[in-house]
Amino acid sequence: MRIQYTKWQTQRRSLPDKIFLSTGILVKACSRLNLTWQIRNLAEAAERGEFYFQLNVPKGCRFSPELRQFLKEHKNTKVKRVDR
């Protein structure tokens, strides 16, 4: 089935901020982080074997319970806490 798009509709996709040696790096600067569509999509792509996924967040960032559980289930996804 071919989906017809109008000029306002585009297919959803997401890309990491940087790809370095088969590692996709996504940088988030926030104090609290929820499980978003972008994080879920990139982690699922990493689980399919396309690349490793690294999520860079500030040291004081807190994760939602859903995101913590999601990160435990996805082994190709790592969290790196960095200084601002």
Protein backbone atom coordinates (compact mmCIF):
# COMPACT_ATOMS: atom_id res chain seq x y z
CA MET A 1 0.00 0.00 0.00
CA ARG A 2 1.41 3.37 -1.00
CA ILE A 3 0.62 6.21 1.38
CA GLN A 4 -0.28 9.50 -0.24
CA TYR A 5 1.20 12.55 1.49
CA THR A 6 0.12 16.12 1.01
CA LYS A 7 2.68 18.93 1.04
CA TRP A 8 2.10 19.45 4.79
CA GLN A 9 2.46 15.81 5.76
CA THR A 10 5.83 14.15 6.05
CA GLN A 11 6.88 10.75 7.22
CA ARG A 12 8.11 10.74 10.82
CA ARG A 13 11.76 9.99 11.41
CA SER A 14 14.46 10.86 13.88
CA LEU A 15 18.22 11.03 13.74
CA PRO A 16 20.80 11.25 16.51
CA ASP A 17 22.68 14.51 16.99
CA LYS A 18 25.96 12.86 16.00
CA ILE A 19 27.07 9.49 14.65
CA PHE A 20 30.58 8.54 15.71
CA LEU A 21 32.10 5.10 15.01
CA SER A 22 28.75 3.28 14.80
CA THR A 23 27.45 5.06 17.92
CA GLY A 24 24.50 7.41 17.68
CA ILE A 25 24.75 10.20 20.25
CA LEU A 26 21.71 12.18 21.37
CA VAL A 27 22.29 15.19 23.66
CA LYS A 28 19.51 16.37 25.97
CA ALA A 29 19.92 19.39 28.29
CA CYS A 30 17.10 19.12 30.82
CA SER A 31 16.49 18.61 34.52
CA ARG A 32 13.87 15.86 34.04
CA LEU A 33 13.63 13.51 31.09
CA ASN A 34 10.63 11.43 30.03
CA LEU A 35 10.45 8.59 27.55
CA THR A 36 9.86 10.49 24.31
CA TRP A 37 9.10 9.22 20.83
CA GLN A 38 12.60 10.22 19.67
CA ILE A 39 14.36 8.26 22.43
CA ARG A 40 12.14 5.22 21.89
CA ASN A 41 12.68 5.27 18.12
CA LEU A 42 16.48 5.59 18.34
CA ALA A 43 16.75 2.89 21.02
CA GLU A 44 14.65 0.50 18.93
CA ALA A 45 16.91 1.18 15.92
CA ALA A 46 19.93 0.39 18.09
CA GLU A 47 18.33 -2.89 19.18
CA ARG A 48 17.83 -3.86 15.53
CA GLY A 49 21.62 -3.74 15.26
CA GLU A 50 22.04 -0.57 13.24
CA PHE A 51 24.23 1.19 15.83
CA TYR A 52 24.78 1.73 19.55
CA PHE A 53 22.78 4.52 21.14
CA GLN A 54 24.28 6.89 23.71
CA LEU A 55 22.12 9.41 25.54
CA ASN A 56 24.10 12.36 26.97
CA VAL A 57 22.36 14.21 29.82
CA PRO A 58 23.52 16.63 32.56
CA LYS A 59 24.58 15.12 35.89
CA GLY A 60 21.52 16.42 37.74
CA CYS A 61 18.99 15.08 35.23
CA ARG A 62 16.26 12.85 36.67
CA PHE A 63 14.57 10.11 34.65
CA SER A 64 10.91 9.17 34.66
CA PRO A 65 10.08 5.63 35.87
CA GLU A 66 9.03 4.64 32.34
CA LEU A 67 12.39 5.76 30.93
CA ARG A 68 14.34 3.91 33.65
CA GLN A 69 12.47 0.69 32.90
CA PHE A 70 12.92 1.19 29.15
CA LEU A 71 16.70 1.65 29.55
CA LYS A 72 16.97 -1.57 31.58
CA GLU A 73 15.33 -3.51 28.75
CA HIS A 74 17.48 -2.09 25.93
CA LYS A 75 21.11 -3.20 26.22
CA ASN A 76 22.45 -1.25 23.21
CA THR A 77 21.40 2.02 24.87
CA LYS A 78 23.75 3.68 27.35
CA VAL A 79 23.38 6.87 29.40
CA LYS A 80 26.34 9.19 29.88
CA ARG A 81 26.07 11.94 32.48
CA VAL A 82 28.18 14.98 31.57
CA ASP A 83 28.88 18.42 33.01
CA ARG A 84 27.14 21.30 31.29
